[in-house]
Protein backbone atom coordinates (compact mmCIF):
# COMPACT_ATOMS: atom_id res chain seq x y z
CA MET A 1 -5.71 -7.10 -10.15
CA SER A 2 -4.26 -3.72 -10.96
CA ARG A 3 -3.82 -1.30 -8.10
CA ASP A 4 -5.72 1.25 -10.21
CA ASP A 5 -8.68 -1.11 -10.63
CA GLN A 6 -11.61 0.47 -8.81
CA ARG A 7 -14.23 -2.11 -9.75
CA ILE A 8 -16.91 -2.60 -7.18
CA SER A 9 -19.59 -5.22 -7.55
CA ARG A 10 -22.90 -5.30 -5.82
CA GLY A 11 -23.81 -8.50 -4.04
CA SER A 12 -27.08 -10.35 -4.34
CA LYS A 13 -28.20 -8.71 -1.12
CA VAL A 14 -29.43 -5.19 -1.69
CA ASP A 15 -26.92 -3.58 0.66
CA GLU A 16 -23.74 -5.59 0.08
CA TRP A 17 -20.71 -4.77 -2.07
CA THR A 18 -17.38 -6.43 -2.80
CA THR A 19 -14.12 -4.95 -4.02
CA TYR A 20 -10.38 -5.53 -3.52
CA THR A 21 -7.59 -3.71 -1.72
CA PRO A 22 -4.57 -2.57 -3.75
CA GLU A 23 -2.86 -5.81 -2.57
CA GLY A 24 -5.72 -7.86 -4.02
CA ARG A 25 -7.38 -8.80 -0.72
CA PRO A 26 -11.18 -9.18 -0.90
CA LEU A 27 -13.10 -6.42 0.84
CA LEU A 28 -16.76 -7.03 1.74
CA VAL A 29 -18.95 -4.05 2.67
CA ARG A 30 -22.47 -4.16 4.12
CA ARG A 31 -25.02 -1.59 5.24
CA ARG A 32 -27.29 -2.74 8.08
CA SER A 33 -29.38 -0.93 10.64
CA GLY A 34 -27.81 2.45 9.91
CA GLN A 35 -24.26 1.11 10.28
CA TRP A 36 -21.55 0.28 7.76
CA SER A 37 -19.52 -2.88 8.22
CA ALA A 38 -16.41 -3.92 6.33
CA LYS A 39 -14.37 -7.12 6.33
CA CYS A 40 -11.00 -7.44 4.65
CA GLY A 41 -9.79 -10.93 3.81
CA GLU A 42 -9.85 -13.12 6.90
CA GLY A 43 -9.63 -10.15 9.28
CA PRO A 44 -12.35 -9.19 11.74
CA GLU A 45 -15.38 -7.17 10.70
CA ALA A 46 -15.21 -3.45 11.48
CA GLN A 47 -18.32 -1.35 12.04
CA SER A 48 -18.92 2.38 12.01
CA GLU A 49 -21.58 4.90 11.14
CA TRP A 50 -19.03 6.24 8.59
CA LEU A 51 -18.07 3.99 5.70
CA ASP A 52 -14.51 5.26 5.27
CA VAL A 53 -13.81 4.58 8.97
CA ALA A 54 -15.15 1.01 8.70
CA LEU A 55 -13.04 0.44 5.55
CA ALA A 56 -9.85 1.79 7.14
CA GLU A 57 -10.33 -0.25 10.31
CA ALA A 58 -11.04 -3.44 8.37
CA ILE A 59 -8.01 -3.00 6.12
CA HIS A 60 -5.64 -2.23 8.98
CA SER A 61 -6.87 -5.13 11.11
CA ASP A 62 -6.27 -7.78 8.41
CA GLU A 63 -2.85 -9.24 9.20
CA ASP A 64 -2.30 -10.29 5.57
CA VAL A 65 -2.57 -6.78 4.12
CA VAL A 66 0.84 -5.30 3.42
CA GLY A 67 -0.56 -1.85 4.13
CA HIS A 68 1.94 0.18 2.19
CA VAL A 69 2.00 -0.67 -1.49
CA HIS A 70 4.41 1.71 -3.17
CA GLY A 71 2.64 4.72 -4.63
CA ILE A 72 -0.75 4.11 -2.97
CA ASP A 73 -2.26 6.79 -0.77
CA TYR A 74 -4.51 4.63 1.40
CA GLY A 75 -6.47 7.59 2.75
CA LYS A 76 -7.34 8.71 -0.78
CA TRP A 77 -7.99 5.13 -1.94
CA THR A 78 -10.35 4.50 1.00
CA ARG A 79 -12.23 7.75 0.37
CA THR A 80 -12.57 6.93 -3.37
CA ILE A 81 -14.01 3.47 -2.63
CA ALA A 82 -16.31 4.87 0.08
CA ASP A 83 -17.60 7.56 -2.29
CA ALA A 84 -18.36 5.00 -5.02
CA ILE A 85 -20.22 2.68 -2.65
CA GLU A 86 -22.13 5.54 -1.03
CA ARG A 87 -23.21 6.81 -4.48
CA ASP A 88 -24.45 3.34 -5.37
CA TYR A 89 -26.25 3.01 -2.03
CA THR A 90 -28.00 6.39 -2.27
CA ALA A 91 -28.94 5.86 -5.93
CA ASP A 92 -31.32 3.10 -4.85
CA ARG A 93 -33.00 5.16 -2.15
């Protein structure tokens, strides 16, 4: 998958999304009980009231993520993904 690929797919559950890190690791995002949770690859699930925080924690806790793909600004990438998911989430409300 291209590092510029920003595809996000919505899961069968109403509040679940999947996407991929720039390294190609699967990234699962859920919204439950007012909290965001994110799980990157086989890493632990991270939870936060802020989606970008949950994404960053999940990505950095997955041991298989390289973390520094040349030319990727992870802060910007995380914010872009969070914005897209939050738009999708609020569109259904």
